Amino acid sequence: MIGRLASPDGVVRERARQALVDSKGEEVMVALIASLDDRRHQVRWEAAKALSEIGDSAASSPLVHAMDDSDSDVAWVAAEGVAGMGEDGLSAVLGGLIRSSRSGEFHRVAHHALKEFSRRGIRRDVVKFVMNALEGAEPKLSGPVATYKAMRQMDVPRLAP
């Protein structure tokens, strides 16, 4: 099924994605996570969409990594998917904001994910605090500071340098 995610036929890709989502399993998760690094954007998009639909929080960090994808459609799908993973997803996004503090594009996609967390009622206080920093005049400076404070408030373990 993973190979079919590369099909030029959208129907074939959708059916393959749905079959993968339905089967879930650890092997499927590993294969989908590996597919997030495929050279073909449609494979990365399908993998991000499938992982989002499966909703296993084990995929939260790989999806956050995909939020920095060169294809904005892949990044956006990954952001929406990680937002569906509750506090585990939020912790992963906050960690991503610390690691990608200089990337304006990542900030934009992370902001989208944060909006989704807020819409879903997940830690709105923390989310609003970080969103305000990202909306400020210097998000590359204020974002990491606000994110670090938010992570401390949530008791997220400190990231290794």
N, C-alpha and C. Protein backbone atom coordinates (compact mmCIF):
# COMPACT_ATOMS: atom_id res chain seq x y z
N MET A 1 0.81 -1.20 0.00
CA MET A 1 0.00 0.00 0.00
C MET A 1 0.85 1.27 0.00
N ILE A 2 1.98 1.23 0.69
CA ILE A 2 2.84 2.41 0.73
C ILE A 2 3.25 2.83 -0.68
N GLY A 3 3.60 1.86 -1.51
CA GLY A 3 3.99 2.14 -2.88
C GLY A 3 2.89 2.83 -3.67
N ARG A 4 1.66 2.55 -3.35
CA ARG A 4 0.53 3.15 -4.08
C ARG A 4 0.32 4.61 -3.72
N LEU A 5 0.94 5.07 -2.65
CA LEU A 5 0.83 6.49 -2.30
C LEU A 5 1.52 7.37 -3.34
N ALA A 6 2.35 6.78 -4.18
CA ALA A 6 3.05 7.51 -5.24
C ALA A 6 2.29 7.50 -6.56
N SER A 7 1.16 6.84 -6.62
CA SER A 7 0.41 6.73 -7.87
C SER A 7 0.00 8.12 -8.39
N PRO A 8 0.04 8.29 -9.70
CA PRO A 8 -0.45 9.56 -10.26
C PRO A 8 -1.97 9.67 -10.18
N ASP A 9 -2.64 8.56 -9.91
CA ASP A 9 -4.09 8.53 -9.80
C ASP A 9 -4.51 8.81 -8.36
N GLY A 10 -5.20 9.92 -8.15
CA GLY A 10 -5.64 10.33 -6.83
C GLY A 10 -6.54 9.32 -6.13
N VAL A 11 -7.36 8.63 -6.90
CA VAL A 11 -8.26 7.62 -6.32
C VAL A 11 -7.45 6.45 -5.77
N VAL A 12 -6.43 6.04 -6.50
CA VAL A 12 -5.56 4.95 -6.04
C VAL A 12 -4.86 5.36 -4.76
N ARG A 13 -4.34 6.60 -4.73
CA ARG A 13 -3.66 7.09 -3.52
C ARG A 13 -4.62 7.14 -2.33
N GLU A 14 -5.82 7.62 -2.56
CA GLU A 14 -6.80 7.72 -1.45
C GLU A 14 -7.17 6.35 -0.92
N ARG A 15 -7.38 5.40 -1.81
CA ARG A 15 -7.72 4.03 -1.37
C ARG A 15 -6.56 3.40 -0.60
N ALA A 16 -5.34 3.62 -1.07
CA ALA A 16 -4.16 3.08 -0.38
C ALA A 16 -4.04 3.72 1.01
N ARG A 17 -4.22 5.04 1.07
CA ARG A 17 -4.16 5.73 2.36
C ARG A 17 -5.21 5.18 3.31
N GLN A 18 -6.42 4.99 2.83
CA GLN A 18 -7.49 4.49 3.70
C GLN A 18 -7.19 3.07 4.18
N ALA A 19 -6.64 2.25 3.30
CA ALA A 19 -6.27 0.88 3.71
C ALA A 19 -5.20 0.92 4.79
N LEU A 20 -4.24 1.82 4.66
CA LEU A 20 -3.19 1.96 5.67
C LEU A 20 -3.77 2.45 6.99
N VAL A 21 -4.66 3.41 6.92
CA VAL A 21 -5.31 3.93 8.13
C VAL A 21 -6.10 2.82 8.82
N ASP A 22 -6.80 2.04 8.04
CA ASP A 22 -7.62 0.97 8.61
C ASP A 22 -6.77 -0.12 9.27
N SER A 23 -5.57 -0.36 8.72
CA SER A 23 -4.74 -1.43 9.28
C SER A 23 -3.89 -0.97 10.47
N LYS A 24 -3.65 0.31 10.60
CA LYS A 24 -2.91 0.95 11.71
C LYS A 24 -1.58 0.28 12.01
N GLY A 25 -1.43 -0.65 12.81
CA GLY A 25 -0.23 -1.39 13.17
C GLY A 25 1.08 -0.63 13.22
N GLU A 26 2.00 -1.17 13.96
CA GLU A 26 3.32 -0.55 14.14
C GLU A 26 4.10 -0.49 12.83
N GLU A 27 4.04 -1.55 12.03
CA GLU A 27 4.76 -1.54 10.75
C GLU A 27 4.24 -0.44 9.83
N VAL A 28 2.92 -0.24 9.84
CA VAL A 28 2.32 0.82 9.02
C VAL A 28 2.80 2.18 9.51
N MET A 29 2.82 2.38 10.81
CA MET A 29 3.28 3.66 11.37
C MET A 29 4.73 3.93 10.96
N VAL A 30 5.57 2.93 11.10
CA VAL A 30 6.99 3.10 10.75
C VAL A 30 7.13 3.44 9.26
N ALA A 31 6.40 2.75 8.42
CA ALA A 31 6.48 2.99 6.98
C ALA A 31 5.95 4.39 6.62
N LEU A 32 4.87 4.79 7.26
CA LEU A 32 4.32 6.13 6.99
C LEU A 32 5.27 7.22 7.47
N ILE A 33 5.84 7.03 8.65
CA ILE A 33 6.79 8.02 9.17
C ILE A 33 7.99 8.13 8.22
N ALA A 34 8.48 7.01 7.73
CA ALA A 34 9.59 7.03 6.77
C ALA A 34 9.17 7.75 5.48
N SER A 35 7.92 7.61 5.10
CA SER A 35 7.43 8.24 3.87
C SER A 35 7.33 9.76 3.97
N LEU A 36 7.38 10.29 5.18
CA LEU A 36 7.37 11.74 5.34
C LEU A 36 8.62 12.39 4.75
N ASP A 37 9.66 11.58 4.50
CA ASP A 37 10.90 12.08 3.91
C ASP A 37 11.06 11.70 2.44
N ASP A 38 10.01 11.18 1.83
CA ASP A 38 10.07 10.80 0.42
C ASP A 38 10.33 12.05 -0.44
N ARG A 39 11.00 11.87 -1.55
CA ARG A 39 11.30 13.00 -2.43
C ARG A 39 10.05 13.54 -3.14
N ARG A 40 9.00 12.72 -3.22
CA ARG A 40 7.79 13.11 -3.94
C ARG A 40 6.79 13.73 -2.97
N HIS A 41 6.39 14.96 -3.28
CA HIS A 41 5.50 15.68 -2.36
C HIS A 41 4.17 14.98 -2.14
N GLN A 42 3.61 14.31 -3.16
CA GLN A 42 2.32 13.66 -2.96
C GLN A 42 2.43 12.49 -1.99
N VAL A 43 3.58 11.81 -1.97
CA VAL A 43 3.79 10.72 -1.01
C VAL A 43 3.88 11.30 0.40
N ARG A 44 4.61 12.41 0.55
CA ARG A 44 4.72 13.05 1.87
C ARG A 44 3.35 13.52 2.35
N TRP A 45 2.56 14.10 1.43
CA TRP A 45 1.23 14.58 1.80
C TRP A 45 0.35 13.41 2.24
N GLU A 46 0.34 12.34 1.46
CA GLU A 46 -0.48 11.18 1.80
C GLU A 46 -0.05 10.56 3.12
N ALA A 47 1.26 10.50 3.37
CA ALA A 47 1.76 9.94 4.63
C ALA A 47 1.33 10.82 5.81
N ALA A 48 1.46 12.13 5.65
CA ALA A 48 1.04 13.05 6.72
C ALA A 48 -0.47 12.93 6.97
N LYS A 49 -1.23 12.84 5.91
CA LYS A 49 -2.69 12.70 6.05
C LYS A 49 -3.04 11.39 6.74
N ALA A 50 -2.40 10.30 6.35
CA ALA A 50 -2.68 9.00 6.96
C ALA A 50 -2.31 9.00 8.44
N LEU A 51 -1.14 9.53 8.77
CA LEU A 51 -0.73 9.59 10.18
C LEU A 51 -1.70 10.46 10.99
N SER A 52 -2.17 11.52 10.38
CA SER A 52 -3.15 12.38 11.04
C SER A 52 -4.45 11.64 11.30
N GLU A 53 -4.89 10.87 10.34
CA GLU A 53 -6.14 10.12 10.49
C GLU A 53 -5.99 8.98 11.50
N ILE A 54 -4.82 8.37 11.56
CA ILE A 54 -4.59 7.32 12.55
C ILE A 54 -4.62 7.93 13.95
N GLY A 55 -3.98 9.10 14.10
CA GLY A 55 -4.07 9.84 15.35
C GLY A 55 -3.23 9.31 16.51
N ASP A 56 -2.28 8.44 16.22
CA ASP A 56 -1.41 7.91 17.27
C ASP A 56 -0.39 8.98 17.64
N SER A 57 -0.31 9.31 18.93
CA SER A 57 0.59 10.39 19.35
C SER A 57 2.07 10.06 19.11
N ALA A 58 2.38 8.80 18.82
CA ALA A 58 3.76 8.45 18.47
C ALA A 58 4.20 9.17 17.19
N ALA A 59 3.25 9.61 16.40
CA ALA A 59 3.57 10.32 15.16
C ALA A 59 3.65 11.84 15.36
N SER A 60 3.45 12.32 16.58
CA SER A 60 3.42 13.77 16.78
C SER A 60 4.76 14.44 16.42
N SER A 61 5.87 13.91 16.87
CA SER A 61 7.17 14.52 16.53
C SER A 61 7.48 14.44 15.04
N PRO A 62 7.27 13.29 14.39
CA PRO A 62 7.50 13.26 12.94
C PRO A 62 6.58 14.23 12.18
N LEU A 63 5.35 14.40 12.63
CA LEU A 63 4.46 15.36 11.97
C LEU A 63 4.94 16.79 12.19
N VAL A 64 5.45 17.09 13.38
CA VAL A 64 6.01 18.43 13.62
C VAL A 64 7.20 18.66 12.69
N HIS A 65 8.02 17.65 12.52
CA HIS A 65 9.14 17.77 11.57
C HIS A 65 8.58 18.05 10.16
N ALA A 66 7.49 17.40 9.78
CA ALA A 66 6.87 17.61 8.47
C ALA A 66 6.24 18.99 8.34
N MET A 67 5.99 19.66 9.46
CA MET A 67 5.47 21.02 9.40
C MET A 67 6.50 21.99 8.80
N ASP A 68 7.74 21.55 8.68
CA ASP A 68 8.80 22.35 8.09
C ASP A 68 9.08 21.91 6.65
N ASP A 69 8.14 21.16 6.05
CA ASP A 69 8.30 20.65 4.70
C ASP A 69 8.35 21.79 3.69
N SER A 70 9.11 21.62 2.63
CA SER A 70 9.21 22.64 1.59
C SER A 70 7.90 22.83 0.84
N ASP A 71 7.03 21.85 0.87
CA ASP A 71 5.71 21.94 0.24
C ASP A 71 4.71 22.40 1.29
N SER A 72 4.12 23.56 1.10
CA SER A 72 3.21 24.11 2.12
C SER A 72 1.99 23.24 2.35
N ASP A 73 1.53 22.50 1.34
CA ASP A 73 0.38 21.62 1.53
C ASP A 73 0.72 20.49 2.51
N VAL A 74 1.92 19.95 2.41
CA VAL A 74 2.36 18.90 3.33
C VAL A 74 2.46 19.47 4.73
N ALA A 75 3.08 20.65 4.85
CA ALA A 75 3.24 21.29 6.16
C ALA A 75 1.89 21.55 6.82
N TRP A 76 0.93 22.01 6.03
CA TRP A 76 -0.38 22.35 6.56
C TRP A 76 -1.12 21.11 7.05
N VAL A 77 -1.08 20.04 6.28
CA VAL A 77 -1.74 18.78 6.67
C VAL A 77 -1.10 18.24 7.94
N ALA A 78 0.22 18.33 8.03
CA ALA A 78 0.92 17.87 9.23
C ALA A 78 0.50 18.69 10.45
N ALA A 79 0.36 20.00 10.28
CA ALA A 79 -0.05 20.87 11.39
C ALA A 79 -1.44 20.51 11.88
N GLU A 80 -2.35 20.28 10.96
CA GLU A 80 -3.71 19.91 11.35
C GLU A 80 -3.73 18.54 12.02
N GLY A 81 -2.90 17.64 11.53
CA GLY A 81 -2.84 16.31 12.11
C GLY A 81 -2.31 16.30 13.52
N VAL A 82 -1.23 17.04 13.75
CA VAL A 82 -0.64 17.06 15.09
C VAL A 82 -1.59 17.74 16.08
N ALA A 83 -2.41 18.66 15.61
CA ALA A 83 -3.38 19.32 16.49
C ALA A 83 -4.44 18.35 16.99
N GLY A 84 -4.64 17.27 16.26
CA GLY A 84 -5.60 16.26 16.69
C GLY A 84 -5.04 15.30 17.72
N MET A 85 -3.81 15.50 18.13
CA MET A 85 -3.16 14.57 19.06
C MET A 85 -3.10 15.10 20.49
N GLY A 86 -3.94 16.07 20.79
CA GLY A 86 -4.07 16.56 22.16
C GLY A 86 -2.79 17.16 22.72
N GLU A 87 -2.62 17.00 24.02
CA GLU A 87 -1.47 17.61 24.69
C GLU A 87 -0.14 17.04 24.21
N ASP A 88 -0.12 15.78 23.80
CA ASP A 88 1.11 15.22 23.23
C ASP A 88 1.50 15.98 21.96
N GLY A 89 0.52 16.27 21.15
CA GLY A 89 0.77 17.05 19.94
C GLY A 89 1.21 18.46 20.25
N LEU A 90 0.56 19.07 21.24
CA LEU A 90 0.93 20.43 21.64
C LEU A 90 2.37 20.47 22.14
N SER A 91 2.74 19.51 22.96
CA SER A 91 4.13 19.44 23.45
C SER A 91 5.11 19.32 22.30
N ALA A 92 4.75 18.52 21.29
CA ALA A 92 5.63 18.35 20.13
C ALA A 92 5.75 19.65 19.34
N VAL A 93 4.65 20.37 19.17
CA VAL A 93 4.69 21.65 18.45
C VAL A 93 5.54 22.66 19.21
N LEU A 94 5.37 22.71 20.53
CA LEU A 94 6.18 23.63 21.33
C LEU A 94 7.67 23.29 21.21
N GLY A 95 7.98 22.01 21.24
CA GLY A 95 9.37 21.60 21.04
C GLY A 95 9.88 22.00 19.66
N GLY A 96 9.03 21.87 18.67
CA GLY A 96 9.40 22.28 17.32
C GLY A 96 9.65 23.77 17.23
N LEU A 97 8.86 24.56 17.95
CA LEU A 97 9.07 26.00 17.95
C LEU A 97 10.41 26.39 18.58
N ILE A 98 10.83 25.63 19.57
CA ILE A 98 12.14 25.89 20.16
C ILE A 98 13.25 25.53 19.15
N ARG A 99 13.13 24.37 18.54
CA ARG A 99 14.17 23.91 17.60
C ARG A 99 14.20 24.72 16.31
N SER A 100 13.05 25.19 15.85
CA SER A 100 12.97 25.92 14.58
C SER A 100 12.69 27.40 14.82
N SER A 101 13.31 27.95 15.84
CA SER A 101 12.98 29.31 16.26
C SER A 101 13.31 30.37 15.21
N ARG A 102 14.17 30.07 14.27
CA ARG A 102 14.55 31.07 13.27
C ARG A 102 13.76 30.97 11.97
N SER A 103 12.93 29.97 11.85
CA SER A 103 12.20 29.74 10.61
C SER A 103 10.84 30.45 10.63
N GLY A 104 10.74 31.52 9.86
CA GLY A 104 9.47 32.25 9.78
C GLY A 104 8.35 31.40 9.21
N GLU A 105 8.68 30.56 8.24
CA GLU A 105 7.67 29.68 7.65
C GLU A 105 7.17 28.67 8.67
N PHE A 106 8.08 28.11 9.46
CA PHE A 106 7.66 27.17 10.50
C PHE A 106 6.77 27.89 11.51
N HIS A 107 7.08 29.13 11.87
CA HIS A 107 6.23 29.89 12.80
C HIS A 107 4.81 30.01 12.25
N ARG A 108 4.71 30.28 10.96
CA ARG A 108 3.39 30.44 10.34
C ARG A 108 2.59 29.15 10.42
N VAL A 109 3.23 28.04 10.12
CA VAL A 109 2.55 26.75 10.16
C VAL A 109 2.23 26.35 11.61
N ALA A 110 3.16 26.62 12.52
CA ALA A 110 2.92 26.33 13.94
C ALA A 110 1.76 27.17 14.46
N HIS A 111 1.67 28.40 14.01
CA HIS A 111 0.55 29.26 14.42
C HIS A 111 -0.77 28.63 13.99
N HIS A 112 -0.78 28.07 12.79
CA HIS A 112 -1.98 27.38 12.30
C HIS A 112 -2.32 26.19 13.21
N ALA A 113 -1.30 25.42 13.58
CA ALA A 113 -1.54 24.28 14.48
C ALA A 113 -2.07 24.78 15.83
N LEU A 114 -1.49 25.86 16.34
CA LEU A 114 -1.94 26.40 17.62
C LEU A 114 -3.40 26.85 17.57
N LYS A 115 -3.80 27.44 16.44
CA LYS A 115 -5.22 27.81 16.27
C LYS A 115 -6.11 26.58 16.37
N GLU A 116 -5.64 25.48 15.77
CA GLU A 116 -6.41 24.23 15.81
C GLU A 116 -6.51 23.69 17.24
N PHE A 117 -5.39 23.76 17.99
CA PHE A 117 -5.43 23.33 19.39
C PHE A 117 -6.46 24.16 20.16
N SER A 118 -6.44 25.45 19.95
CA SER A 118 -7.37 26.34 20.65
C SER A 118 -8.81 26.01 20.27
N ARG A 119 -9.03 25.82 18.98
CA ARG A 119 -10.39 25.49 18.51
C ARG A 119 -10.90 24.21 19.15
N ARG A 120 -9.99 23.28 19.42
CA ARG A 120 -10.35 22.00 20.03
C ARG A 120 -10.39 22.06 21.56
N GLY A 121 -10.07 23.24 22.12
CA GLY A 121 -10.14 23.41 23.57
C GLY A 121 -8.96 22.84 24.32
N ILE A 122 -7.82 22.69 23.67
CA ILE A 122 -6.64 22.10 24.30
C ILE A 122 -5.74 23.22 24.83
N ARG A 123 -5.61 23.29 26.14
CA ARG A 123 -4.72 24.24 26.83
C ARG A 123 -4.77 25.64 26.21
N ARG A 124 -5.97 26.18 26.14
CA ARG A 124 -6.15 27.49 25.50
C ARG A 124 -5.29 28.58 26.13
N ASP A 125 -5.05 28.52 27.44
CA ASP A 125 -4.22 29.52 28.10
C ASP A 125 -2.80 29.50 27.55
N VAL A 126 -2.24 28.33 27.45
CA VAL A 126 -0.87 28.16 26.95
C VAL A 126 -0.82 28.53 25.47
N VAL A 127 -1.78 28.04 24.71
CA VAL A 127 -1.81 28.28 23.27
C VAL A 127 -1.91 29.78 22.99
N LYS A 128 -2.78 30.47 23.69
CA LYS A 128 -2.96 31.92 23.46
C LYS A 128 -1.66 32.67 23.77
N PHE A 129 -1.00 32.30 24.85
CA PHE A 129 0.25 32.94 25.23
C PHE A 129 1.30 32.81 24.12
N VAL A 130 1.46 31.63 23.57
CA VAL A 130 2.45 31.40 22.51
C VAL A 130 2.00 32.07 21.21
N MET A 131 0.72 31.99 20.90
CA MET A 131 0.23 32.63 19.68
C MET A 131 0.48 34.13 19.72
N ASN A 132 0.24 34.75 20.87
CA ASN A 132 0.49 36.19 20.99
C ASN A 132 1.95 36.53 20.71
N ALA A 133 2.86 35.69 21.19
CA ALA A 133 4.28 35.92 20.93
C ALA A 133 4.59 35.77 19.45
N LEU A 134 3.97 34.80 18.79
CA LEU A 134 4.22 34.59 17.37
C LEU A 134 3.61 35.69 16.51
N GLU A 135 2.60 36.36 17.05
CA GLU A 135 1.95 37.44 16.31
C GLU A 135 2.63 38.79 16.56
N GLY A 136 3.59 38.83 17.47
CA GLY A 136 4.28 40.07 17.82
C GLY A 136 5.23 40.54 16.74
N ALA A 137 5.89 41.66 17.05
CA ALA A 137 6.79 42.31 16.09
C ALA A 137 8.03 41.47 15.79
N GLU A 138 8.52 40.73 16.76
CA GLU A 138 9.74 39.94 16.58
C GLU A 138 9.51 38.49 17.01
N PRO A 139 8.73 37.72 16.26
CA PRO A 139 8.42 36.36 16.68
C PRO A 139 9.64 35.46 16.79
N LYS A 140 10.69 35.76 16.03
CA LYS A 140 11.90 34.94 16.12
C LYS A 140 12.60 35.11 17.46
N LEU A 141 12.33 36.23 18.12
CA LEU A 141 12.90 36.48 19.44
C LEU A 141 11.92 36.14 20.56
N SER A 142 10.70 36.62 20.42
CA SER A 142 9.71 36.42 21.50
C SER A 142 9.11 35.02 21.49
N GLY A 143 9.05 34.39 20.33
CA GLY A 143 8.46 33.06 20.22
C GLY A 143 9.15 32.01 21.08
N PRO A 144 10.47 31.87 20.98
CA PRO A 144 11.15 30.86 21.80
C PRO A 144 11.02 31.11 23.30
N VAL A 145 11.05 32.38 23.71
CA VAL A 145 10.93 32.69 25.14
C VAL A 145 9.54 32.30 25.64
N ALA A 146 8.51 32.68 24.89
CA ALA A 146 7.13 32.35 25.27
C ALA A 146 6.93 30.83 25.24
N THR A 147 7.51 30.19 24.26
CA THR A 147 7.37 28.74 24.14
C THR A 147 8.02 28.03 25.31
N TYR A 148 9.21 28.48 25.68
CA TYR A 148 9.90 27.88 26.83
C TYR A 148 9.05 28.04 28.10
N LYS A 149 8.49 29.23 28.30
CA LYS A 149 7.64 29.46 29.48
C LYS A 149 6.40 28.57 29.43
N ALA A 150 5.83 28.43 28.26
CA ALA A 150 4.64 27.57 28.10
C ALA A 150 4.98 26.12 28.41
N MET A 151 6.14 25.68 27.95
CA MET A 151 6.56 24.29 28.21
C MET A 151 6.77 24.07 29.70
N ARG A 152 7.31 25.04 30.37
CA ARG A 152 7.50 24.93 31.83
C ARG A 152 6.14 24.87 32.52
N GLN A 153 5.20 25.68 32.06
CA GLN A 153 3.86 25.68 32.65
C GLN A 153 3.18 24.33 32.46
N MET A 154 3.44 23.69 31.32
CA MET A 154 2.85 22.39 31.04
C MET A 154 3.65 21.24 31.63
N ASP A 155 4.81 21.52 32.21
CA ASP A 155 5.72 20.50 32.73
C ASP A 155 6.25 19.58 31.64
N VAL A 156 6.51 20.15 30.47
CA VAL A 156 7.11 19.40 29.38
C VAL A 156 8.59 19.27 29.70
N PRO A 157 9.16 18.06 29.59
CA PRO A 157 10.60 17.90 29.87
C PRO A 157 11.45 18.82 29.00
N ARG A 158 12.52 19.33 29.57
CA ARG A 158 13.42 20.23 28.86
C ARG A 158 14.05 19.50 27.68
N LEU A 159 14.16 20.22 26.59
CA LEU A 159 14.75 19.66 25.37
C LEU A 159 16.26 19.61 25.49
N ALA A 160 16.84 18.59 24.92
CA ALA A 160 18.30 18.52 24.84
C ALA A 160 18.77 19.53 23.81
N PRO A 161 19.92 20.15 24.01
CA PRO A 161 20.41 21.16 23.05
C PRO A 161 20.73 20.54 21.71
